[in-house]
């Protein structure tokens, strides 16, 4: 069977013990204790992982604050938009759109050399 690992809410890479579905069915209390001690167990069927059972606290810790709040995204957008509205940014964009192919080539080579 494939060894399963995941990065827990503390950022640690941990192994996930496997439990057969029949073992879960016959000994739910024991498996729940194992989950509460270790954070998660993989539920297998015919030695193939089918699901993961994890402690609720671990689930909450892993899922909270994962997706940026809409207000945070709007604030980030406003900052980026403001930076693009400066006279220097407008001048640079006008120069880029009006550049000849030769000028674009020189700019690309110059940028590539800076990255080295």
N, C-alpha and C. Protein backbone atom coordinates (compact mmCIF):
# COMPACT_ATOMS: atom_id res chain seq x y z
N UNK A 1 0.84 -1.19 0.00
CA UNK A 1 0.00 0.00 0.00
C UNK A 1 0.89 1.25 0.00
N UNK A 2 0.40 2.28 -0.60
CA UNK A 2 1.08 3.56 -0.69
C UNK A 2 1.16 4.22 0.67
N UNK A 3 2.37 4.68 1.07
CA UNK A 3 2.51 5.40 2.34
C UNK A 3 1.97 6.81 2.16
N UNK A 4 1.13 7.24 3.08
CA UNK A 4 0.52 8.56 2.99
C UNK A 4 1.15 9.51 3.99
N UNK A 5 1.43 10.72 3.55
CA UNK A 5 1.91 11.77 4.44
C UNK A 5 1.16 13.05 4.09
N UNK A 6 1.11 13.94 5.05
CA UNK A 6 0.53 15.27 4.78
C UNK A 6 1.20 16.27 5.69
N UNK A 7 1.09 17.55 5.32
CA UNK A 7 1.65 18.62 6.13
C UNK A 7 0.55 19.08 7.09
N UNK A 8 0.77 18.88 8.37
CA UNK A 8 -0.26 19.21 9.36
C UNK A 8 -0.35 20.72 9.59
N UNK A 9 -1.21 21.10 10.50
CA UNK A 9 -1.44 22.53 10.74
C UNK A 9 -0.24 23.23 11.34
N UNK A 10 0.73 22.48 11.85
CA UNK A 10 1.96 23.06 12.39
C UNK A 10 3.07 23.11 11.34
N UNK A 11 2.75 22.66 10.11
CA UNK A 11 3.73 22.67 9.03
C UNK A 11 4.64 21.45 9.03
N UNK A 12 4.37 20.48 9.89
CA UNK A 12 5.20 19.28 9.97
C UNK A 12 4.68 18.24 8.98
N UNK A 13 5.61 17.53 8.36
CA UNK A 13 5.23 16.43 7.47
C UNK A 13 5.05 15.19 8.32
N UNK A 14 3.83 14.66 8.36
CA UNK A 14 3.53 13.51 9.22
C UNK A 14 2.98 12.35 8.41
N UNK A 15 3.28 11.15 8.88
CA UNK A 15 2.74 9.94 8.27
C UNK A 15 1.31 9.74 8.73
N UNK A 16 0.48 9.25 7.84
CA UNK A 16 -0.92 8.98 8.16
C UNK A 16 -1.08 7.46 8.26
N UNK A 17 -1.41 6.95 9.44
CA UNK A 17 -1.62 5.51 9.55
C UNK A 17 -2.87 5.08 8.79
N UNK A 18 -2.86 3.86 8.31
CA UNK A 18 -4.00 3.34 7.54
C UNK A 18 -4.85 2.42 8.40
N UNK A 19 -6.14 2.49 8.19
CA UNK A 19 -7.11 1.65 8.89
C UNK A 19 -8.06 1.09 7.84
N UNK A 20 -8.26 -0.23 7.87
CA UNK A 20 -9.19 -0.84 6.93
C UNK A 20 -10.62 -0.41 7.27
N UNK A 21 -11.44 -0.30 6.25
CA UNK A 21 -12.83 0.13 6.45
C UNK A 21 -13.56 -0.81 7.41
N UNK A 22 -13.28 -2.11 7.33
CA UNK A 22 -13.94 -3.05 8.24
C UNK A 22 -13.47 -2.83 9.68
N UNK A 23 -12.20 -2.48 9.86
CA UNK A 23 -11.69 -2.17 11.20
C UNK A 23 -12.38 -0.92 11.75
N UNK A 24 -12.61 0.06 10.89
CA UNK A 24 -13.33 1.27 11.30
C UNK A 24 -14.75 0.92 11.72
N UNK A 25 -15.39 0.10 10.91
CA UNK A 25 -16.78 -0.28 11.20
C UNK A 25 -16.89 -1.04 12.52
N UNK A 26 -15.95 -1.92 12.78
CA UNK A 26 -16.01 -2.76 13.97
C UNK A 26 -15.43 -2.10 15.22
N UNK A 27 -14.61 -1.10 15.05
CA UNK A 27 -13.98 -0.48 16.21
C UNK A 27 -13.88 1.02 16.08
N UNK A 28 -15.01 1.68 15.86
CA UNK A 28 -15.04 3.12 15.64
C UNK A 28 -14.41 3.88 16.80
N UNK A 29 -14.71 3.50 18.02
CA UNK A 29 -14.18 4.22 19.19
C UNK A 29 -12.66 4.16 19.22
N UNK A 30 -12.09 3.02 18.90
CA UNK A 30 -10.63 2.86 18.89
C UNK A 30 -10.01 3.73 17.81
N UNK A 31 -10.61 3.73 16.63
CA UNK A 31 -10.09 4.54 15.52
C UNK A 31 -10.22 6.02 15.84
N UNK A 32 -11.32 6.44 16.46
CA UNK A 32 -11.48 7.84 16.84
C UNK A 32 -10.41 8.26 17.85
N UNK A 33 -10.07 7.39 18.77
CA UNK A 33 -8.98 7.68 19.71
C UNK A 33 -7.67 7.86 18.97
N UNK A 34 -7.44 7.01 17.99
CA UNK A 34 -6.22 7.10 17.19
C UNK A 34 -6.18 8.44 16.43
N UNK A 35 -7.31 8.85 15.91
CA UNK A 35 -7.41 10.13 15.20
C UNK A 35 -7.12 11.28 16.16
N UNK A 36 -7.70 11.24 17.33
CA UNK A 36 -7.51 12.32 18.29
C UNK A 36 -6.05 12.42 18.75
N UNK A 37 -5.34 11.30 18.82
CA UNK A 37 -3.92 11.32 19.19
C UNK A 37 -3.03 11.74 18.03
N UNK A 38 -3.33 11.25 16.82
CA UNK A 38 -2.41 11.45 15.70
C UNK A 38 -2.84 12.47 14.67
N UNK A 39 -4.05 12.95 14.73
CA UNK A 39 -4.49 13.97 13.80
C UNK A 39 -5.27 13.45 12.61
N UNK A 40 -4.90 12.26 12.09
CA UNK A 40 -5.60 11.74 10.92
C UNK A 40 -5.29 10.25 10.73
N UNK A 41 -6.22 9.55 10.10
CA UNK A 41 -5.99 8.18 9.65
C UNK A 41 -6.58 8.04 8.25
N UNK A 42 -5.95 7.21 7.45
CA UNK A 42 -6.47 6.92 6.11
C UNK A 42 -7.36 5.70 6.21
N UNK A 43 -8.53 5.78 5.63
CA UNK A 43 -9.46 4.65 5.59
C UNK A 43 -9.24 3.94 4.26
N UNK A 44 -8.95 2.64 4.33
CA UNK A 44 -8.64 1.89 3.10
C UNK A 44 -9.74 0.87 2.81
N UNK A 45 -9.81 0.54 1.57
CA UNK A 45 -10.70 -0.53 1.11
C UNK A 45 -9.89 -1.34 0.12
N UNK A 46 -9.73 -2.61 0.38
CA UNK A 46 -8.88 -3.48 -0.43
C UNK A 46 -7.47 -2.90 -0.55
N UNK A 47 -6.97 -2.40 0.58
CA UNK A 47 -5.62 -1.85 0.72
C UNK A 47 -5.37 -0.60 -0.12
N UNK A 48 -6.44 0.04 -0.56
CA UNK A 48 -6.33 1.28 -1.33
C UNK A 48 -6.97 2.40 -0.53
N UNK A 49 -6.24 3.51 -0.29
CA UNK A 49 -6.83 4.62 0.47
C UNK A 49 -8.07 5.17 -0.25
N UNK A 50 -9.15 5.33 0.51
CA UNK A 50 -10.39 5.84 -0.05
C UNK A 50 -10.84 7.15 0.60
N UNK A 51 -10.43 7.37 1.86
CA UNK A 51 -10.84 8.57 2.59
C UNK A 51 -9.85 8.82 3.71
N UNK A 52 -9.94 10.01 4.28
CA UNK A 52 -9.12 10.35 5.43
C UNK A 52 -10.04 10.87 6.52
N UNK A 53 -9.84 10.37 7.72
CA UNK A 53 -10.59 10.83 8.88
C UNK A 53 -9.62 11.64 9.74
N UNK A 54 -9.97 12.88 10.01
CA UNK A 54 -9.07 13.71 10.81
C UNK A 54 -9.83 14.41 11.93
N UNK A 55 -9.08 14.80 12.95
CA UNK A 55 -9.66 15.50 14.08
C UNK A 55 -10.23 16.83 13.60
N UNK A 56 -11.34 17.22 14.18
CA UNK A 56 -12.01 18.45 13.77
C UNK A 56 -11.10 19.66 13.95
N UNK A 57 -10.38 19.71 15.06
CA UNK A 57 -9.47 20.84 15.31
C UNK A 57 -8.41 20.95 14.22
N UNK A 58 -7.90 19.79 13.79
CA UNK A 58 -6.89 19.78 12.71
C UNK A 58 -7.52 20.28 11.41
N UNK A 59 -8.74 19.84 11.12
CA UNK A 59 -9.44 20.28 9.92
C UNK A 59 -9.62 21.79 9.93
N UNK A 60 -10.08 22.33 11.06
CA UNK A 60 -10.29 23.78 11.17
C UNK A 60 -8.97 24.53 10.99
N UNK A 61 -7.91 24.04 11.62
CA UNK A 61 -6.60 24.70 11.52
C UNK A 61 -6.08 24.67 10.08
N UNK A 62 -6.34 23.59 9.36
CA UNK A 62 -5.86 23.48 7.98
C UNK A 62 -6.67 24.33 7.01
N UNK A 63 -7.95 24.55 7.31
CA UNK A 63 -8.81 25.24 6.36
C UNK A 63 -9.02 26.71 6.64
N UNK A 64 -8.79 27.16 7.88
CA UNK A 64 -9.04 28.56 8.17
C UNK A 64 -7.99 29.43 7.50
N UNK A 65 -8.41 30.59 7.09
CA UNK A 65 -7.54 31.59 6.48
C UNK A 65 -6.79 31.09 5.25
N UNK A 66 -7.28 30.04 4.61
CA UNK A 66 -6.63 29.56 3.39
C UNK A 66 -6.99 30.43 2.20
N UNK A 67 -8.24 30.81 2.12
CA UNK A 67 -8.69 31.63 0.99
C UNK A 67 -8.72 33.08 1.44
N UNK A 68 -8.14 33.96 0.64
CA UNK A 68 -8.17 35.37 1.01
C UNK A 68 -9.61 35.90 1.08
N UNK A 69 -9.84 36.75 2.02
CA UNK A 69 -11.15 37.36 2.16
C UNK A 69 -11.32 38.35 1.01
N UNK A 70 -12.53 38.49 0.53
CA UNK A 70 -12.80 39.37 -0.60
C UNK A 70 -12.30 40.78 -0.35
N UNK A 71 -12.46 41.29 0.87
CA UNK A 71 -11.98 42.64 1.17
C UNK A 71 -10.47 42.75 1.04
N UNK A 72 -9.74 41.69 1.42
CA UNK A 72 -8.29 41.68 1.28
C UNK A 72 -7.90 41.72 -0.19
N UNK A 73 -8.60 40.94 -1.01
CA UNK A 73 -8.32 40.93 -2.45
C UNK A 73 -8.63 42.29 -3.07
N UNK A 74 -9.71 42.91 -2.65
CA UNK A 74 -10.08 44.22 -3.18
C UNK A 74 -9.03 45.26 -2.81
N UNK A 75 -8.52 45.19 -1.59
CA UNK A 75 -7.48 46.14 -1.16
C UNK A 75 -6.20 45.92 -1.96
N UNK A 76 -5.85 44.66 -2.19
CA UNK A 76 -4.65 44.36 -2.99
C UNK A 76 -4.82 44.88 -4.42
N UNK A 77 -6.00 44.69 -4.99
CA UNK A 77 -6.29 45.19 -6.33
C UNK A 77 -6.17 46.71 -6.38
N UNK A 78 -6.72 47.38 -5.38
CA UNK A 78 -6.65 48.85 -5.35
C UNK A 78 -5.21 49.35 -5.33
N UNK A 79 -4.35 48.67 -4.58
CA UNK A 79 -2.94 49.06 -4.52
C UNK A 79 -2.28 48.87 -5.88
N UNK A 80 -2.53 47.72 -6.50
CA UNK A 80 -1.94 47.46 -7.83
C UNK A 80 -2.45 48.46 -8.86
N UNK A 81 -3.73 48.75 -8.82
CA UNK A 81 -4.30 49.71 -9.76
C UNK A 81 -3.70 51.09 -9.57
N UNK A 82 -3.54 51.50 -8.33
CA UNK A 82 -2.95 52.82 -8.05
C UNK A 82 -1.52 52.89 -8.58
N UNK A 83 -0.76 51.79 -8.44
CA UNK A 83 0.62 51.79 -8.96
C UNK A 83 0.65 51.90 -10.47
N UNK A 84 -0.37 51.35 -11.14
CA UNK A 84 -0.40 51.40 -12.60
C UNK A 84 -0.87 52.75 -13.12
N UNK A 85 -1.41 53.60 -12.26
CA UNK A 85 -1.95 54.89 -12.70
C UNK A 85 -0.95 56.04 -12.58
N UNK A 86 0.27 55.77 -12.18
CA UNK A 86 1.26 56.84 -12.04
C UNK A 86 1.71 57.31 -13.43
N UNK A 87 2.20 58.54 -13.53
CA UNK A 87 2.71 59.03 -14.82
C UNK A 87 3.83 58.15 -15.37
N UNK A 88 4.71 57.66 -14.50
CA UNK A 88 5.81 56.81 -14.97
C UNK A 88 5.28 55.51 -15.56
N UNK A 89 4.28 54.92 -14.92
CA UNK A 89 3.70 53.68 -15.43
C UNK A 89 3.00 53.91 -16.76
N UNK A 90 2.29 55.00 -16.87
CA UNK A 90 1.60 55.32 -18.14
C UNK A 90 2.61 55.52 -19.27
N UNK A 91 3.70 56.21 -18.96
CA UNK A 91 4.75 56.45 -19.96
C UNK A 91 5.38 55.12 -20.39
N UNK A 92 5.65 54.25 -19.43
CA UNK A 92 6.26 52.95 -19.75
C UNK A 92 5.32 52.11 -20.60
N UNK A 93 4.03 52.11 -20.29
CA UNK A 93 3.07 51.34 -21.08
C UNK A 93 2.95 51.89 -22.49
N UNK A 94 2.93 53.21 -22.62
CA UNK A 94 2.87 53.82 -23.96
C UNK A 94 4.10 53.44 -24.76
N UNK A 95 5.27 53.47 -24.13
CA UNK A 95 6.51 53.09 -24.82
C UNK A 95 6.46 51.63 -25.25
N UNK A 96 5.93 50.76 -24.39
CA UNK A 96 5.86 49.33 -24.73
C UNK A 96 4.91 49.09 -25.91
N UNK A 97 3.77 49.76 -25.90
CA UNK A 97 2.81 49.55 -26.99
C UNK A 97 3.26 50.17 -28.31
N UNK A 98 4.08 51.19 -28.22
CA UNK A 98 4.55 51.86 -29.44
C UNK A 98 5.92 51.39 -29.89
N UNK A 99 6.51 50.41 -29.21
CA UNK A 99 7.86 49.94 -29.53
C UNK A 99 7.86 49.17 -30.85
N UNK A 100 8.95 49.32 -31.57
CA UNK A 100 9.14 48.55 -32.81
C UNK A 100 9.59 47.14 -32.42
N UNK A 101 9.52 46.21 -33.36
CA UNK A 101 10.01 44.86 -33.06
C UNK A 101 11.48 44.86 -32.63
N UNK A 102 12.29 45.68 -33.25
CA UNK A 102 13.71 45.74 -32.88
C UNK A 102 13.88 46.25 -31.45
N UNK A 103 13.11 47.25 -31.07
CA UNK A 103 13.18 47.77 -29.70
C UNK A 103 12.72 46.72 -28.69
N UNK A 104 11.68 45.97 -29.04
CA UNK A 104 11.20 44.90 -28.16
C UNK A 104 12.27 43.83 -27.99
N UNK A 105 12.96 43.50 -29.09
CA UNK A 105 14.04 42.51 -29.02
C UNK A 105 15.17 42.97 -28.11
N UNK A 106 15.57 44.23 -28.26
CA UNK A 106 16.64 44.76 -27.41
C UNK A 106 16.22 44.76 -25.93
N UNK A 107 14.99 45.12 -25.67
CA UNK A 107 14.49 45.13 -24.29
C UNK A 107 14.47 43.72 -23.71
N UNK A 108 14.09 42.73 -24.52
CA UNK A 108 14.07 41.35 -24.06
C UNK A 108 15.47 40.85 -23.73
N UNK A 109 16.43 41.16 -24.59
CA UNK A 109 17.80 40.75 -24.35
C UNK A 109 18.34 41.44 -23.08
N UNK A 110 18.04 42.71 -22.91
CA UNK A 110 18.48 43.45 -21.74
C UNK A 110 17.90 42.84 -20.46
N UNK A 111 16.63 42.51 -20.50
CA UNK A 111 15.98 41.91 -19.33
C UNK A 111 16.55 40.54 -19.02
N UNK A 112 16.84 39.75 -20.06
CA UNK A 112 17.42 38.42 -19.86
C UNK A 112 18.80 38.51 -19.24
N UNK A 113 19.58 39.49 -19.65
CA UNK A 113 20.93 39.67 -19.10
C UNK A 113 20.87 40.08 -17.63
N UNK A 114 19.87 40.88 -17.24
CA UNK A 114 19.71 41.29 -15.85
C UNK A 114 19.44 40.11 -14.94
N UNK A 115 18.73 39.09 -15.45
CA UNK A 115 18.37 37.93 -14.64
C UNK A 115 19.54 37.02 -14.35
N UNK A 116 20.59 37.12 -15.11
CA UNK A 116 21.76 36.24 -14.90
C UNK A 116 22.52 36.62 -13.72
